[in-house]
């Protein structure tokens, strides 16, 4: 069972790319650079039901399973247990984001309750996968290559999140910077998962 669970982090890293691509194929004129990933499941979108079904729900499960594996494989190491807990938190919030869609207009000044829940859950997702690599960065338990790559992923995520905020203000290409920011986090998960298996 553990051998199966050890690959769930890698599976999640690949699944999210394929899931977003597949869902976007059913959304006419969808722009990966101008639109958020969550707009695939937004209220009234052509893929409102499809996107969470193939993205949020299975991804949330994969994140949670990998988090469980991380905790279970290092029962006495507190930093790694926290990393596992952050991964499970990321998975739970992925489910929440799927259950509570964002509004059709990402620039609305009067967001619905569902959109507010979606936004806060997304923020927790962001923070959870900043905390996890930061722990790796400062933990002597892990190898230097992994610590360095973890630090770079945090720097990349924070930088592109800043660019995302600016792009959102200017209404230019927030989708691009969201993908780059989250891409840094998913790349970290992939690398961390591989190091856990080796």
Foldseek 3Di string as FASTA:
>chain_A
DLVVLLCLLVVLLVQQVVLLVVLVVQFPPDDLFQDASLLSLAPPTSNVPPSCVSRLQVSLVSLLSNLVSQCVVCVPDVLSNLLSVLSNLLSVLSNLLSVQGWHNDPLDPDTDPSNVSNVVSVVSNLVSLLSNLVSVLPDPVDDPVLNVLSVVLNVQLVVLVVVLVVCSVVSHGNSVSVCRNVNSSSVNSNVVSVVVVD
